[in-house]
Amino acid sequence: MIIVIIMIILAHSAILFITAPSMFRLFVVLIFASFRFLLNLLNLFDVLDLRKFQGKM
């Protein structure tokens, strides 16, 4: 699951990398992609914790 998210974000940033006209926009796009990647990881961990919590209940 995590590998799929990484591949999607890498492909997305690669497309933007090719189409962006300047280095500044590339920099912003890469930061935005990594930020979204961190948010997705946090969401995955929250879901896993919720499942463990429900299992204990």
C-alpha atoms as a PDB file:
ATOM      1  CA  MET A   1       0.000   0.000   0.000  1.00  0.00           C
ATOM      2  CA  ILE A   2       2.732   2.463   0.992  1.00  0.00           C
ATOM      3  CA  ILE A   3       4.772   1.492  -2.084  1.00  0.00           C
ATOM      4  CA  VAL A   4       1.789   2.289  -4.326  1.00  0.00           C
ATOM      5  CA  ILE A   5       1.450   5.758  -2.758  1.00  0.00           C
ATOM      6  CA  ILE A   6       5.191   6.380  -3.234  1.00  0.00           C
ATOM      7  CA  MET A   7       4.973   5.371  -6.903  1.00  0.00           C
ATOM      8  CA  ILE A   8       1.950   7.636  -7.513  1.00  0.00           C
ATOM      9  CA  ILE A   9       3.658  10.635  -5.903  1.00  0.00           C
ATOM     10  CA  LEU A  10       6.902   9.993  -7.804  1.00  0.00           C
ATOM     11  CA  ALA A  11       5.030   9.808 -11.117  1.00  0.00           C
ATOM     12  CA  HIS A  12       3.048  12.958 -10.264  1.00  0.00           C
ATOM     13  CA  SER A  13       6.171  14.925  -9.336  1.00  0.00           C
ATOM     14  CA  ALA A  14       7.981  13.595 -12.435  1.00  0.00           C
ATOM     15  CA  ILE A  15       5.212  14.924 -14.705  1.00  0.00           C
ATOM     16  CA  LEU A  16       5.315  18.316 -12.971  1.00  0.00           C
ATOM     17  CA  PHE A  17       9.132  18.209 -13.129  1.00  0.00           C
ATOM     18  CA  ILE A  18       8.971  17.887 -16.918  1.00  0.00           C
ATOM     19  CA  THR A  19       6.296  20.563 -17.423  1.00  0.00           C
ATOM     20  CA  ALA A  20       7.509  23.202 -14.947  1.00  0.00           C
ATOM     21  CA  PRO A  21       9.332  26.123 -16.634  1.00  0.00           C
ATOM     22  CA  SER A  22      11.607  27.254 -13.811  1.00  0.00           C
ATOM     23  CA  MET A  23      13.701  25.757 -10.998  1.00  0.00           C
ATOM     24  CA  PHE A  24      11.732  27.691  -8.371  1.00  0.00           C
ATOM     25  CA  ARG A  25       8.465  26.029  -9.368  1.00  0.00           C
ATOM     26  CA  LEU A  26      10.217  22.657  -9.387  1.00  0.00           C
ATOM     27  CA  PHE A  27      11.413  23.300  -5.842  1.00  0.00           C
ATOM     28  CA  VAL A  28       7.916  24.238  -4.650  1.00  0.00           C
ATOM     29  CA  VAL A  29       6.379  21.219  -6.386  1.00  0.00           C
ATOM     30  CA  LEU A  30       8.862  18.813  -4.784  1.00  0.00           C
ATOM     31  CA  ILE A  31       8.214  20.287  -1.324  1.00  0.00           C
ATOM     32  CA  PHE A  32       4.460  20.022  -1.905  1.00  0.00           C
ATOM     33  CA  ALA A  33       4.768  16.393  -3.057  1.00  0.00           C
ATOM     34  CA  SER A  34       6.866  15.398  -0.029  1.00  0.00           C
ATOM     35  CA  PHE A  35       4.432  17.214   2.285  1.00  0.00           C
ATOM     36  CA  ARG A  36       1.490  15.303   0.783  1.00  0.00           C
ATOM     37  CA  PHE A  37       3.486  12.089   1.118  1.00  0.00           C
ATOM     38  CA  LEU A  38       4.003  12.746   4.859  1.00  0.00           C
ATOM     39  CA  LEU A  39       0.284  13.465   5.315  1.00  0.00           C
ATOM     40  CA  ASN A  40      -0.585  10.185   3.561  1.00  0.00           C
ATOM     41  CA  LEU A  41       1.812   8.277   5.832  1.00  0.00           C
ATOM     42  CA  LEU A  42       0.248   9.849   8.938  1.00  0.00           C
ATOM     43  CA  ASN A  43      -3.230   8.922   7.694  1.00  0.00           C
ATOM     44  CA  LEU A  44      -2.116   5.315   7.109  1.00  0.00           C
ATOM     45  CA  PHE A  45      -0.674   5.089  10.617  1.00  0.00           C
ATOM     46  CA  ASP A  46      -3.893   6.532  12.093  1.00  0.00           C
ATOM     47  CA  VAL A  47      -5.952   3.892  10.273  1.00  0.00           C
ATOM     48  CA  LEU A  48      -3.671   1.111  11.536  1.00  0.00           C
ATOM     49  CA  ASP A  49      -3.903   2.423  15.113  1.00  0.00           C
ATOM     50  CA  LEU A  50      -7.702   2.569  14.876  1.00  0.00           C
ATOM     51  CA  ARG A  51      -7.822  -1.048  13.701  1.00  0.00           C
ATOM     52  CA  LYS A  52      -5.602  -2.162  16.590  1.00  0.00           C
ATOM     53  CA  PHE A  53      -7.774  -0.204  19.031  1.00  0.00           C
ATOM     54  CA  GLN A  54     -10.977  -1.801  17.706  1.00  0.00           C
ATOM     55  CA  GLY A  55      -9.314  -5.219  17.917  1.00  0.00           C
ATOM     56  CA  LYS A  56      -8.602  -4.682  21.626  1.00  0.00           C
ATOM     57  CA  MET A  57     -12.185  -3.565  22.241  1.00  0.00           C
END
